Amino acid sequence: MRRRSVSLLGLAGLLALPLTVMPQAQAADGLVSGGKTVTASSVETSAFGPGLAVDGSTATRWASAEGVDPQWIRIDLGANHTISRVKLDWEAAYGKAYRIQTSTDGSAWTDVYSTTAGDGATDDLTVSGSGRYVRMYGTGRGTPYGYSLWEFQVYGAPTGTGGGGGGPAVPFGSHLKPYAAGVLKPSGTQSALDQKVVDYYNRWKAAFVRQNCGNGWYQIISPDADHPYVAEAQGYGMVVTATMAGADPDAKKIFDGLVKWKIDHPSSVNPNLLAAEQDASCKSVNGGDGATDGDMDVAYGLLLADRQWGSSGTYDYRDLALKHIAAIKKDEVNPTTKLLKLGDWSSSGDQYYWISRTSDWMVDHFRAFRAASGDTTWDAVRSAHQTQISRLQSTYASGTGLLPDFVVDTNTTPRPAPGQVLEDPNDGSYWWNACRTPWRIADDAVTSGDTTSLAAARKLNGWIKTKTGGDPNKIAVGYKLNGTPISSGSEAAFFAPFAVAAMTDPGSQAWLDALWNKMLATPVDTSSYFSASIQLQVMITASGNHWVP
């Protein structure tokens, strides 16, 4: 293969683009991509991670999945730069048709170079552009394999304007919101951890993100739920897509489609909340009332979006969030106990009024609601839930720290459900709802450093690590509160959440690594949005990318 120049590419098939071709890179411009955070659409194997394309070595390389177009590799320069030169050192698997693109926000991209006649070797390209992010976007492979780069070099100079540009304030992989002191992360480079999350997210997105029924809607489909669309799944989707902004160029578009879905499917009880279930025709069913778990994440996702993109676009995210938060307070918080109700449909005098679901107890969400609204009620709500977490652990699960799916008698002495009170004979056990509690509790612990959340997470971590002898494959599907397994097998919804709890214990690095590797070895279960969505959000936290708006 021959070395190519920009002029040869221009004759062979450079597309007409709004860019200025300069005679040479300005002398003051230096290499700005070395060692920066890099993500990619895929990797062939873990041995060919995207960070290897900026490590300065021509003996290591990034390689995408084979036989699939398009593919991309993206460098985060950390701040806006003028870009004057891009150098691509291709391995045998090269791009025949590709673009070099820049972006200020990781979402909207501008082409600064394009070709359909690439032939490999080394491309040393003189370009003119600016942005925080630079990516090679391949649309046509030159071989049956994938795309592979020994090195991806960007030359330029900082503009001094920071991220700016109306893009996400906290792009995925930026790690602008550090965790509390002493919190662990899985072993490995930060770029490798981030890339694993991006890889899993892309598979999750392909499996569950939909555009059904028109109307500009996006939905998260739930094949394992009672109906195709449930509020819990939409809440997960809003939190995930807002968090992945900067890694997914379509994040804001998807988020806005989910917002439109929320607006167009109001709860029949409080129209500022989301109706809990929709059928295959995208119509709300079963009374159209709200479910607390979904509403908690919807409100949180809107706050993330406000911080990411601002609220002056198509949707006023902040106004929608504040209305949603006020509606949760009005109709989904028990005014006497300050504990969450099951939904806006439960009212004084019915049999569910003094029941609460522990997996809804999202302490970091309460903190975000307090900060956004200025309402001190959320301090009382947070305190009430943390008090009950500690009391339930010490009174009913002193050896394990496990919480039950449902708590009854919240008006007197809260206790685990004595049997089936809503969903299952195991309502009083650590089952398909409470399996999320190690993640929810520890999300607050790692971000806030709160001593109550840390103690609760560490209790869970200490027990499960000892129970399994440090082998994640031995985590059962459900437990009685005394630690007796309910069912055999292995489910991401049960093993993944313990990874966040492990992050809170400085002595659990090997255990955290084992859990992380277990997640990496577990493919997306396309039949279960529940397990896949939980694992994705756990991976986001474990990689250092969860943050509280």
Protein backbone atom coordinates (compact mmCIF):
# COMPACT_ATOMS: atom_id res chain seq x y z
CA MET A 1 0.00 0.00 0.00
CA ARG A 2 1.23 3.46 -0.79
CA ARG A 3 1.42 6.53 1.36
CA ARG A 4 -1.27 8.97 0.39
CA SER A 5 -1.56 12.72 0.52
CA VAL A 6 -4.48 15.08 0.85
CA SER A 7 -4.13 16.20 -2.76
CA LEU A 8 -4.37 12.63 -4.06
CA LEU A 9 -7.45 12.05 -1.95
CA GLY A 10 -9.01 15.21 -3.28
CA LEU A 11 -8.59 13.95 -6.85
CA ALA A 12 -9.77 10.46 -5.98
CA GLY A 13 -12.98 11.23 -4.22
CA LEU A 14 -12.94 13.93 -1.55
CA LEU A 15 -16.48 15.05 -0.98
CA ALA A 16 -17.38 18.71 -1.28
CA LEU A 17 -17.35 19.95 2.29
CA PRO A 18 -17.45 23.38 4.02
CA LEU A 19 -13.84 23.31 5.17
CA THR A 20 -10.68 25.21 4.44
CA VAL A 21 -7.66 23.18 3.31
CA MET A 22 -4.50 24.83 4.61
CA PRO A 23 -1.09 24.35 3.01
CA GLN A 24 0.36 22.91 6.22
CA ALA A 25 -0.24 22.61 9.93
CA GLN A 26 0.72 25.80 11.71
CA ALA A 27 4.05 25.49 13.45
CA ALA A 28 2.59 26.37 16.84
CA ASP A 29 0.16 23.47 16.78
CA GLY A 30 1.24 20.35 18.62
CA LEU A 31 -0.05 16.86 19.30
CA VAL A 32 -3.09 17.26 21.56
CA SER A 33 -4.54 13.74 21.51
CA GLY A 34 -1.88 11.74 23.32
CA GLY A 35 -3.21 9.81 26.29
CA LYS A 36 -6.65 11.45 26.11
CA THR A 37 -9.93 9.68 26.86
CA VAL A 38 -11.04 7.65 23.86
CA THR A 39 -14.26 5.77 23.18
CA ALA A 40 -15.35 3.71 20.20
CA SER A 41 -18.47 2.20 18.74
CA SER A 42 -17.04 -1.28 19.33
CA VAL A 43 -13.89 -3.31 19.85
CA GLU A 44 -12.90 -6.58 18.21
CA THR A 45 -11.72 -7.91 21.59
CA SER A 46 -10.58 -6.39 24.87
CA ALA A 47 -6.99 -6.61 23.56
CA PHE A 48 -7.75 -3.86 21.01
CA GLY A 49 -9.25 -1.10 23.14
CA PRO A 50 -9.59 2.46 21.77
CA GLY A 51 -7.06 3.89 24.21
CA LEU A 52 -4.35 1.99 22.34
CA ALA A 53 -4.78 4.36 19.39
CA VAL A 54 -3.47 7.31 21.43
CA ASP A 55 -0.78 5.60 23.50
CA GLY A 56 2.10 6.69 21.25
CA SER A 57 3.01 3.14 20.28
CA THR A 58 2.82 1.75 16.76
CA ALA A 59 2.88 -1.76 18.21
CA THR A 60 -0.58 -1.48 19.78
CA ARG A 61 -3.87 -0.71 18.07
CA TRP A 62 -7.61 -0.22 18.26
CA ALA A 63 -9.73 -2.59 16.20
CA SER A 64 -13.50 -2.46 15.76
CA ALA A 65 -15.88 -5.37 15.48
CA GLU A 66 -15.44 -7.16 12.17
CA GLY A 67 -17.82 -6.96 9.23
CA VAL A 68 -20.01 -4.11 10.49
CA ASP A 69 -20.52 -0.55 9.21
CA PRO A 70 -20.55 2.18 10.40
CA GLN A 71 -17.92 2.27 13.16
CA TRP A 72 -16.23 5.17 14.94
CA ILE A 73 -13.45 6.08 17.34
CA ARG A 74 -13.67 9.37 19.25
CA ILE A 75 -11.08 11.36 21.18
CA ASP A 76 -12.10 13.73 23.98
CA LEU A 77 -9.53 16.52 24.07
CA GLY A 78 -10.95 17.78 27.36
CA ALA A 79 -11.67 21.29 26.06
CA ASN A 80 -12.28 23.08 22.80
CA HIS A 81 -9.30 23.16 20.43
CA THR A 82 -8.61 24.46 16.96
CA ILE A 83 -7.79 21.41 14.84
CA SER A 84 -5.25 21.76 12.03
CA ARG A 85 -3.99 18.24 11.35
CA VAL A 86 -5.17 14.66 11.78
CA LYS A 87 -2.92 11.66 11.21
CA LEU A 88 -4.29 8.14 10.81
CA ASP A 89 -1.87 5.21 10.89
CA TRP A 90 -3.97 2.35 9.56
CA GLU A 91 -3.42 -1.34 10.24
CA ALA A 92 -4.29 -3.73 7.39
CA ALA A 93 -7.99 -3.28 8.22
CA TYR A 94 -8.45 0.26 6.92
CA GLY A 95 -11.27 2.61 6.09
CA LYS A 96 -12.12 3.07 2.44
CA ALA A 97 -14.91 5.54 3.16
CA TYR A 98 -14.66 7.62 6.29
CA ARG A 99 -15.02 11.12 7.69
CA ILE A 100 -13.06 13.14 10.20
CA GLN A 101 -15.53 15.04 12.36
CA THR A 102 -15.34 17.56 15.19
CA SER A 103 -17.86 18.45 17.87
CA THR A 104 -18.10 20.84 20.79
CA ASP A 105 -20.54 18.65 22.69
CA GLY A 106 -20.11 15.05 21.51
CA SER A 107 -23.60 15.13 19.98
CA ALA A 108 -23.62 17.45 16.93
CA TRP A 109 -20.79 16.69 14.48
CA THR A 110 -19.18 18.72 11.69
CA ASP A 111 -17.27 17.07 8.86
CA VAL A 112 -13.79 18.53 8.33
CA TYR A 113 -12.65 15.80 5.98
CA SER A 114 -14.27 13.00 4.00
CA THR A 115 -13.23 10.40 1.43
CA THR A 116 -14.70 7.41 -0.33
CA ALA A 117 -11.40 6.28 -1.88
CA GLY A 118 -9.17 5.40 1.03
CA ASP A 119 -6.50 2.75 0.48
CA GLY A 120 -4.88 2.37 3.90
CA ALA A 121 -1.30 2.99 5.03
CA THR A 122 -0.93 6.45 6.59
CA ASP A 123 -3.25 9.42 6.04
CA ASP A 124 -1.67 12.73 7.10
CA LEU A 125 -4.51 15.20 6.70
CA THR A 126 -4.42 18.99 6.88
CA VAL A 127 -7.80 20.26 8.03
CA SER A 128 -9.42 23.31 9.55
CA GLY A 129 -11.91 22.93 12.35
CA SER A 130 -12.52 23.20 16.06
CA GLY A 131 -14.10 21.25 18.87
CA ARG A 132 -13.57 19.30 22.03
CA TYR A 133 -14.16 15.97 20.32
CA VAL A 134 -12.59 14.56 17.17
CA ARG A 135 -13.65 11.28 15.63
CA MET A 136 -13.00 9.05 12.69
CA TYR A 137 -16.41 7.91 11.44
CA GLY A 138 -16.03 4.94 9.10
CA THR A 139 -18.85 4.14 6.68
CA GLY A 140 -17.10 1.72 4.32
CA ARG A 141 -14.44 -0.85 5.18
CA GLY A 142 -11.54 -1.46 2.84
CA THR A 143 -11.40 -5.17 3.84
CA PRO A 144 -13.92 -7.76 5.05
CA TYR A 145 -12.66 -7.17 8.58
CA GLY A 146 -13.22 -4.02 10.61
CA TYR A 147 -11.43 -0.72 11.13
CA SER A 148 -8.09 -0.69 12.89
CA LEU A 149 -5.68 2.13 13.76
CA TRP A 150 -2.19 1.84 15.17
CA GLU A 151 -2.36 5.53 16.01
CA PHE A 152 -4.96 8.31 15.75
CA GLN A 153 -3.21 11.66 16.19
CA VAL A 154 -4.81 15.09 16.41
CA TYR A 155 -2.80 18.30 16.20
CA GLY A 156 -4.07 21.71 17.26
CA ALA A 157 -4.19 24.23 20.09
CA PRO A 158 -6.61 25.00 22.94
CA THR A 159 -9.05 27.82 22.24
CA GLY A 160 -9.41 28.67 25.91
CA THR A 161 -13.20 28.45 25.79
CA GLY A 162 -13.72 25.12 27.57
CA GLY A 163 -16.44 22.66 26.58
CA GLY A 164 -19.09 25.29 25.78
CA GLY A 165 -21.09 25.19 22.60
CA GLY A 166 -24.36 24.26 24.29
CA GLY A 167 -23.30 20.62 24.53
CA PRO A 168 -23.45 18.36 27.56
CA ALA A 169 -21.93 19.90 30.66
CA VAL A 170 -20.83 16.50 31.92
CA PRO A 171 -20.07 14.38 28.84
CA PHE A 172 -19.77 10.68 29.45
CA GLY A 173 -16.17 9.86 30.23
CA SER A 174 -15.31 13.37 31.44
CA HIS A 175 -15.38 12.38 35.13
CA LEU A 176 -16.06 15.95 36.17
CA LYS A 177 -17.98 14.78 39.25
CA PRO A 178 -15.52 12.85 41.43
CA TYR A 179 -16.70 10.27 43.94
CA ALA A 180 -16.18 10.42 47.69
CA ALA A 181 -12.68 9.75 49.00
CA GLY A 182 -11.68 6.10 49.22
CA VAL A 183 -14.24 4.79 46.72
CA LEU A 184 -12.93 1.94 44.57
CA LYS A 185 -13.25 1.43 40.85
CA PRO A 186 -12.53 -1.77 38.92
CA SER A 187 -8.89 -2.30 37.99
CA GLY A 188 -7.75 -1.08 34.59
CA THR A 189 -7.29 2.19 32.77
CA GLN A 190 -10.09 4.71 32.90
CA SER A 191 -10.47 4.69 29.13
CA ALA A 192 -10.85 0.90 29.13
CA LEU A 193 -13.54 1.05 31.82
CA ASP A 194 -15.40 3.76 29.94
CA GLN A 195 -15.22 1.82 26.70
CA LYS A 196 -16.75 -1.27 28.29
CA VAL A 197 -19.72 0.83 29.35
CA VAL A 198 -20.08 2.31 25.86
CA ASP A 199 -19.95 -1.17 24.33
CA TYR A 200 -22.65 -2.46 26.67
CA TYR A 201 -24.75 0.67 26.19
CA ASN A 202 -24.70 0.25 22.41
CA ARG A 203 -25.96 -3.33 22.74
CA TRP A 204 -28.60 -2.26 25.29
CA LYS A 205 -29.71 0.55 22.99
CA ALA A 206 -30.07 -1.80 20.02
CA ALA A 207 -32.12 -4.22 22.10
CA PHE A 208 -34.52 -1.88 23.87
CA VAL A 209 -34.69 1.65 22.41
CA ARG A 210 -37.62 1.96 20.02
CA GLN A 211 -39.51 4.50 17.92
CA ASN A 212 -42.94 2.94 17.76
CA CYS A 213 -46.37 4.41 17.01
CA GLY A 214 -44.96 7.62 15.48
CA ASN A 215 -45.68 10.99 17.11
CA GLY A 216 -41.99 11.68 17.62
CA TRP A 217 -41.88 9.22 20.51
CA TYR A 218 -39.00 7.16 21.72
CA GLN A 219 -39.66 4.32 24.15
CA ILE A 220 -37.78 1.69 26.08
CA ILE A 221 -39.48 -1.59 25.32
CA SER A 222 -40.00 -4.06 28.16
CA PRO A 223 -40.45 -7.61 26.82
CA ASP A 224 -40.31 -9.08 30.33
CA ALA A 225 -42.97 -6.81 31.86
CA ASP A 226 -46.75 -7.11 31.86
CA HIS A 227 -46.98 -4.58 29.05
CA PRO A 228 -44.67 -3.50 26.21
CA TYR A 229 -43.99 -0.14 27.84
CA VAL A 230 -43.77 0.55 31.57
CA ALA A 231 -42.81 3.72 33.42
CA GLU A 232 -39.88 2.04 35.15
CA ALA A 233 -38.26 1.35 31.78
CA GLN A 234 -38.85 4.90 30.51
CA GLY A 235 -37.28 6.25 33.70
CA TYR A 236 -34.25 4.04 33.22
CA GLY A 237 -34.01 5.25 29.62
CA MET A 238 -34.11 8.93 30.56
CA VAL A 239 -31.41 8.57 33.21
CA VAL A 240 -29.20 6.46 30.95
CA THR A 241 -29.45 8.61 27.81
CA ALA A 242 -28.81 11.85 29.70
CA THR A 243 -25.77 10.25 31.34
CA MET A 244 -24.43 8.88 28.04
CA ALA A 245 -24.51 12.29 26.34
CA GLY A 246 -21.17 12.84 24.67
CA ALA A 247 -20.70 9.15 23.97
CA ASP A 248 -23.92 8.77 21.99
CA PRO A 249 -24.44 11.48 19.34
CA ASP A 250 -28.17 10.69 19.43
CA ALA A 251 -28.53 11.01 23.21
CA LYS A 252 -30.44 14.30 23.20
CA LYS A 253 -32.69 13.20 20.33
CA ILE A 254 -33.59 10.01 22.16
CA PHE A 255 -34.07 11.86 25.44
CA ASP A 256 -36.42 14.37 23.84
CA GLY A 257 -38.43 11.51 22.33
CA LEU A 258 -38.75 10.00 25.81
CA VAL A 259 -39.81 13.40 27.17
CA LYS A 260 -42.52 13.62 24.53
CA TRP A 261 -43.68 10.14 25.53
CA LYS A 262 -43.89 11.26 29.18
CA ILE A 263 -45.85 14.40 28.28
CA ASP A 264 -48.24 12.51 26.01
CA HIS A 265 -48.89 9.75 28.57
CA PRO A 266 -49.84 11.60 31.75
CA SER A 267 -51.05 9.83 34.85
CA SER A 268 -54.82 9.89 35.22
CA VAL A 269 -54.36 10.88 38.88
CA ASN A 270 -51.74 13.62 38.53
CA PRO A 271 -51.03 14.76 34.95
CA ASN A 272 -47.52 15.88 35.92
CA LEU A 273 -46.61 12.23 36.50
CA LEU A 274 -46.23 9.41 33.95
CA ALA A 275 -48.86 6.73 33.40
CA ALA A 276 -47.36 3.42 34.47
CA GLU A 277 -48.26 1.08 31.57
CA GLN A 278 -48.92 1.25 27.84
CA ASP A 279 -49.99 -1.45 25.40
CA ALA A 280 -48.66 -2.34 21.96
CA SER A 281 -50.72 0.51 20.48
CA CYS A 282 -48.92 2.92 22.81
CA LYS A 283 -52.09 3.64 24.76
CA SER A 284 -52.12 3.81 28.55
CA VAL A 285 -53.92 0.93 30.23
CA ASN A 286 -54.98 -0.30 33.68
CA GLY A 287 -56.36 3.04 34.76
CA GLY A 288 -53.42 5.08 33.53
CA ASP A 289 -52.18 5.98 37.01
CA GLY A 290 -48.56 6.48 38.06
CA ALA A 291 -45.88 4.23 39.58
CA THR A 292 -43.39 5.72 42.02
CA ASP A 293 -40.28 3.93 40.75
CA GLY A 294 -40.70 5.24 37.22
CA ASP A 295 -41.59 8.73 38.37
CA MET A 296 -38.51 8.96 40.58
CA ASP A 297 -36.20 8.24 37.65
CA VAL A 298 -38.14 10.44 35.22
CA ALA A 299 -37.70 13.44 37.53
CA TYR A 300 -34.03 12.62 38.06
CA GLY A 301 -33.47 12.21 34.33
CA LEU A 302 -35.02 15.61 33.66
CA LEU A 303 -32.66 17.19 36.20
CA LEU A 304 -29.70 15.51 34.48
CA ALA A 305 -30.90 16.85 31.14
CA ASP A 306 -31.23 20.37 32.50
CA ARG A 307 -27.64 20.24 33.71
CA GLN A 308 -26.41 18.62 30.49
CA TRP A 309 -28.10 20.74 27.83
CA GLY A 310 -29.89 23.58 29.58
CA SER A 311 -33.63 24.15 29.32
CA SER A 312 -34.01 26.66 26.50
CA GLY A 313 -34.56 24.11 23.74
CA THR A 314 -37.64 22.22 22.62
CA TYR A 315 -38.44 21.23 26.20
CA ASP A 316 -37.94 23.14 29.42
CA TYR A 317 -36.39 20.23 31.28
CA ARG A 318 -36.09 22.13 34.54
CA ASP A 319 -39.72 23.22 34.60
CA LEU A 320 -40.86 19.68 33.78
CA ALA A 321 -38.57 18.30 36.50
CA LEU A 322 -39.82 20.70 39.17
CA LYS A 323 -43.44 19.92 38.31
CA HIS A 324 -42.68 16.20 38.41
CA ILE A 325 -40.90 16.52 41.76
CA ALA A 326 -43.81 18.51 43.23
CA ALA A 327 -46.23 15.87 41.94
CA ILE A 328 -44.20 13.06 43.55
CA LYS A 329 -44.30 14.96 46.85
CA LYS A 330 -48.05 15.53 46.56
CA ASP A 331 -49.20 12.09 45.44
CA GLU A 332 -46.40 9.56 45.95
CA VAL A 333 -44.97 10.51 49.35
CA ASN A 334 -46.97 9.49 52.40
CA PRO A 335 -47.41 12.81 54.27
CA THR A 336 -47.39 11.08 57.66
CA THR A 337 -44.41 8.73 57.37
CA LYS A 338 -42.49 10.66 54.67
CA LEU A 339 -41.93 7.27 53.01
CA LEU A 340 -42.71 6.70 49.36
CA LYS A 341 -46.04 5.13 48.47
CA LEU A 342 -46.36 2.56 45.70
CA GLY A 343 -47.92 5.05 43.29
CA ASP A 344 -50.18 8.05 43.01
CA TRP A 345 -53.16 5.68 43.01
CA SER A 346 -52.82 4.77 46.70
CA SER A 347 -54.79 7.01 49.04
CA SER A 348 -55.67 7.18 52.72
CA GLY A 349 -57.89 4.31 53.76
CA ASP A 350 -56.87 1.77 51.12
CA GLN A 351 -54.94 -1.38 52.01
CA TYR A 352 -51.74 -0.20 50.32
CA TYR A 353 -51.43 3.21 51.96
CA TRP A 354 -49.00 2.02 54.64
CA ILE A 355 -46.83 -0.10 52.29
CA SER A 356 -43.58 0.99 50.66
CA ARG A 357 -41.23 -0.66 48.14
CA THR A 358 -37.58 -0.55 49.24
CA SER A 359 -36.19 -0.45 45.70
CA ASP A 360 -37.88 2.96 45.30
CA TRP A 361 -35.74 4.39 48.12
CA MET A 362 -33.30 6.29 45.92
CA VAL A 363 -31.43 8.47 48.38
CA ASP A 364 -29.30 10.31 45.80
CA HIS A 365 -32.53 11.26 44.00
CA PHE A 366 -33.88 12.82 47.19
CA ARG A 367 -30.71 14.91 47.42
CA ALA A 368 -31.13 16.06 43.82
CA PHE A 369 -34.79 16.94 44.40
CA ARG A 370 -33.85 19.01 47.44
CA ALA A 371 -31.14 20.88 45.57
CA ALA A 372 -33.35 21.60 42.55
CA SER A 373 -36.53 22.59 44.38
CA GLY A 374 -35.11 24.17 47.52
CA ASP A 375 -37.86 22.31 49.40
CA THR A 376 -36.62 21.09 52.80
CA THR A 377 -39.32 18.41 52.78
CA TRP A 378 -36.88 16.34 50.77
CA ASP A 379 -34.40 16.43 53.64
CA ALA A 380 -37.08 14.89 55.86
CA VAL A 381 -37.94 12.33 53.17
CA ARG A 382 -34.30 11.34 52.79
CA SER A 383 -33.83 11.03 56.56
CA ALA A 384 -36.97 8.91 56.91
CA HIS A 385 -35.79 6.43 54.30
CA GLN A 386 -32.25 6.22 55.61
CA THR A 387 -33.60 5.62 59.12
CA GLN A 388 -35.72 2.73 57.89
CA ILE A 389 -32.87 1.20 55.88
CA SER A 390 -30.73 1.11 59.03
CA ARG A 391 -33.56 -0.14 61.23
CA LEU A 392 -34.64 -2.88 58.85
CA GLN A 393 -31.06 -4.09 58.50
CA SER A 394 -30.43 -4.21 62.23
CA THR A 395 -33.82 -5.62 63.24
CA TYR A 396 -34.69 -8.09 60.49
CA ALA A 397 -31.39 -8.80 58.69
CA SER A 398 -28.64 -8.28 61.22
CA GLY A 399 -26.45 -10.94 59.63
CA THR A 400 -26.99 -9.96 56.00
CA GLY A 401 -28.16 -6.37 55.64
CA LEU A 402 -30.72 -7.50 53.06
CA LEU A 403 -33.91 -5.52 52.60
CA PRO A 404 -37.31 -6.98 51.68
CA ASP A 405 -39.19 -6.16 48.52
CA PHE A 406 -42.00 -4.52 50.48
CA VAL A 407 -42.38 -3.02 53.93
CA VAL A 408 -45.77 -2.97 55.64
CA ASP A 409 -47.21 -1.15 58.69
CA THR A 410 -45.21 1.96 57.92
CA ASN A 411 -47.54 3.95 60.18
CA THR A 412 -46.65 1.93 63.27
CA THR A 413 -43.64 -0.38 63.27
CA PRO A 414 -42.44 -0.94 59.70
CA ARG A 415 -41.66 -4.61 58.99
CA PRO A 416 -41.07 -6.91 56.03
CA ALA A 417 -44.24 -8.03 54.26
CA PRO A 418 -45.57 -11.22 55.93
CA GLY A 419 -46.26 -12.80 52.55
CA GLN A 420 -47.82 -11.63 49.32
CA VAL A 421 -49.08 -8.07 49.69
CA LEU A 422 -48.78 -6.92 46.08
CA GLU A 423 -46.81 -9.14 43.70
CA ASP A 424 -45.45 -12.43 45.01
CA PRO A 425 -45.31 -14.78 48.01
CA ASN A 426 -41.71 -13.54 48.43
CA ASP A 427 -42.78 -9.91 48.92
CA GLY A 428 -41.12 -10.01 52.34
CA SER A 429 -37.84 -11.37 50.99
CA TYR A 430 -34.88 -10.05 49.00
CA TRP A 431 -36.45 -10.77 45.64
CA TRP A 432 -37.04 -9.17 42.22
CA ASN A 433 -37.63 -5.67 43.60
CA ALA A 434 -35.14 -5.46 46.46
CA CYS A 435 -32.35 -6.92 44.31
CA ARG A 436 -31.76 -3.30 43.27
CA THR A 437 -31.21 -1.96 46.79
CA PRO A 438 -27.42 -2.53 47.01
CA TRP A 439 -27.05 -0.40 43.89
CA ARG A 440 -29.51 2.29 45.03
CA ILE A 441 -28.01 2.57 48.52
CA ALA A 442 -24.43 2.53 47.30
CA ASP A 443 -25.09 5.08 44.54
CA ASP A 444 -25.63 7.59 47.33
CA ALA A 445 -22.69 6.28 49.33
CA VAL A 446 -20.14 6.68 46.53
CA THR A 447 -21.35 10.11 45.41
CA SER A 448 -22.08 11.74 48.78
CA GLY A 449 -19.85 9.84 51.20
CA ASP A 450 -22.80 9.84 53.63
CA THR A 451 -21.92 7.69 56.65
CA THR A 452 -25.39 6.12 56.91
CA SER A 453 -25.40 5.04 53.26
CA LEU A 454 -21.80 3.84 53.53
CA ALA A 455 -22.61 1.70 56.59
CA ALA A 456 -25.65 0.14 54.90
CA ALA A 457 -23.74 -0.61 51.68
CA ARG A 458 -20.76 -2.06 53.54
CA LYS A 459 -23.01 -4.36 55.54
CA LEU A 460 -24.44 -5.79 52.35
CA ASN A 461 -21.01 -6.07 50.77
CA GLY A 462 -19.41 -7.80 53.73
CA TRP A 463 -22.14 -10.40 53.87
CA ILE A 464 -22.33 -11.30 50.17
CA LYS A 465 -18.55 -11.44 49.77
CA THR A 466 -18.31 -13.88 52.67
CA LYS A 467 -21.41 -15.81 51.63
CA THR A 468 -20.00 -16.53 48.17
CA GLY A 469 -16.37 -16.87 49.13
CA GLY A 470 -15.58 -14.10 46.66
CA ASP A 471 -17.13 -15.95 43.70
CA PRO A 472 -19.84 -13.87 41.93
CA ASN A 473 -21.11 -17.02 40.22
CA LYS A 474 -22.42 -18.14 43.60
CA ILE A 475 -24.78 -15.17 44.02
CA ALA A 476 -28.23 -16.73 44.05
CA VAL A 477 -31.46 -15.48 42.55
CA GLY A 478 -33.09 -14.15 45.70
CA TYR A 479 -32.59 -14.68 49.43
CA LYS A 480 -34.60 -14.84 52.57
CA LEU A 481 -33.52 -12.03 54.87
CA ASN A 482 -31.45 -14.49 56.89
CA GLY A 483 -29.37 -15.29 53.80
CA THR A 484 -31.04 -18.55 52.73
CA PRO A 485 -31.11 -18.71 48.91
CA ILE A 486 -34.51 -18.76 47.25
CA SER A 487 -33.56 -19.89 43.75
CA SER A 488 -30.46 -21.10 41.95
CA GLY A 489 -29.07 -19.67 38.74
CA SER A 490 -27.38 -16.38 37.91
CA GLU A 491 -29.12 -13.13 37.00
CA ALA A 492 -27.56 -9.74 36.33
CA ALA A 493 -30.34 -8.10 38.35
CA PHE A 494 -29.02 -9.94 41.41
CA PHE A 495 -25.23 -10.04 40.99
CA ALA A 496 -24.57 -6.66 39.34
CA PRO A 497 -25.92 -4.38 42.13
CA PHE A 498 -23.42 -5.81 44.61
CA ALA A 499 -20.61 -4.28 42.55
CA VAL A 500 -21.62 -0.78 43.65
CA ALA A 501 -21.71 -1.92 47.29
CA ALA A 502 -18.21 -3.37 46.82
CA MET A 503 -16.95 0.05 45.75
CA THR A 504 -17.53 1.35 49.29
CA ASP A 505 -15.08 -1.06 50.95
CA PRO A 506 -11.34 -0.33 50.53
CA GLY A 507 -10.62 -4.02 51.19
CA SER A 508 -12.79 -5.30 48.35
CA GLN A 509 -10.75 -4.56 45.22
CA ALA A 510 -10.41 -8.22 44.21
CA TRP A 511 -14.11 -8.79 44.87
CA LEU A 512 -15.09 -5.70 42.86
CA ASP A 513 -12.87 -6.87 39.99
CA ALA A 514 -14.52 -10.28 40.06
CA LEU A 515 -17.98 -8.70 39.89
CA TRP A 516 -16.91 -6.37 37.08
CA ASN A 517 -15.47 -9.25 35.09
CA LYS A 518 -18.66 -11.22 35.67
CA MET A 519 -20.61 -8.33 34.15
CA LEU A 520 -18.27 -8.12 31.17
CA ALA A 521 -18.76 -11.83 30.55
CA THR A 522 -22.55 -11.49 30.65
CA PRO A 523 -24.17 -10.57 27.32
CA VAL A 524 -27.18 -8.29 27.10
CA ASP A 525 -30.26 -10.41 27.69
CA THR A 526 -32.51 -9.07 24.95
CA SER A 527 -35.52 -10.71 26.62
CA SER A 528 -35.03 -8.75 29.87
CA TYR A 529 -34.87 -4.97 29.87
CA PHE A 530 -34.89 -5.27 33.68
CA SER A 531 -31.63 -7.16 34.14
CA ALA A 532 -29.88 -5.45 31.23
CA SER A 533 -30.88 -1.95 32.37
CA ILE A 534 -29.77 -2.63 35.93
CA GLN A 535 -26.40 -3.97 34.79
CA LEU A 536 -25.87 -0.98 32.49
CA GLN A 537 -26.56 1.51 35.27
CA VAL A 538 -24.31 -0.42 37.66
CA MET A 539 -21.53 -0.31 35.05
CA ILE A 540 -22.02 3.43 34.68
CA THR A 541 -21.52 3.87 38.42
CA ALA A 542 -18.66 1.38 38.70
CA SER A 543 -16.74 3.13 35.92
CA GLY A 544 -16.99 6.48 37.71
CA ASN A 545 -19.66 8.03 35.46
CA HIS A 546 -22.66 8.36 37.78
CA TRP A 547 -23.30 11.88 39.03
CA VAL A 548 -25.94 13.77 40.97
CA PRO A 549 -27.34 16.94 39.36
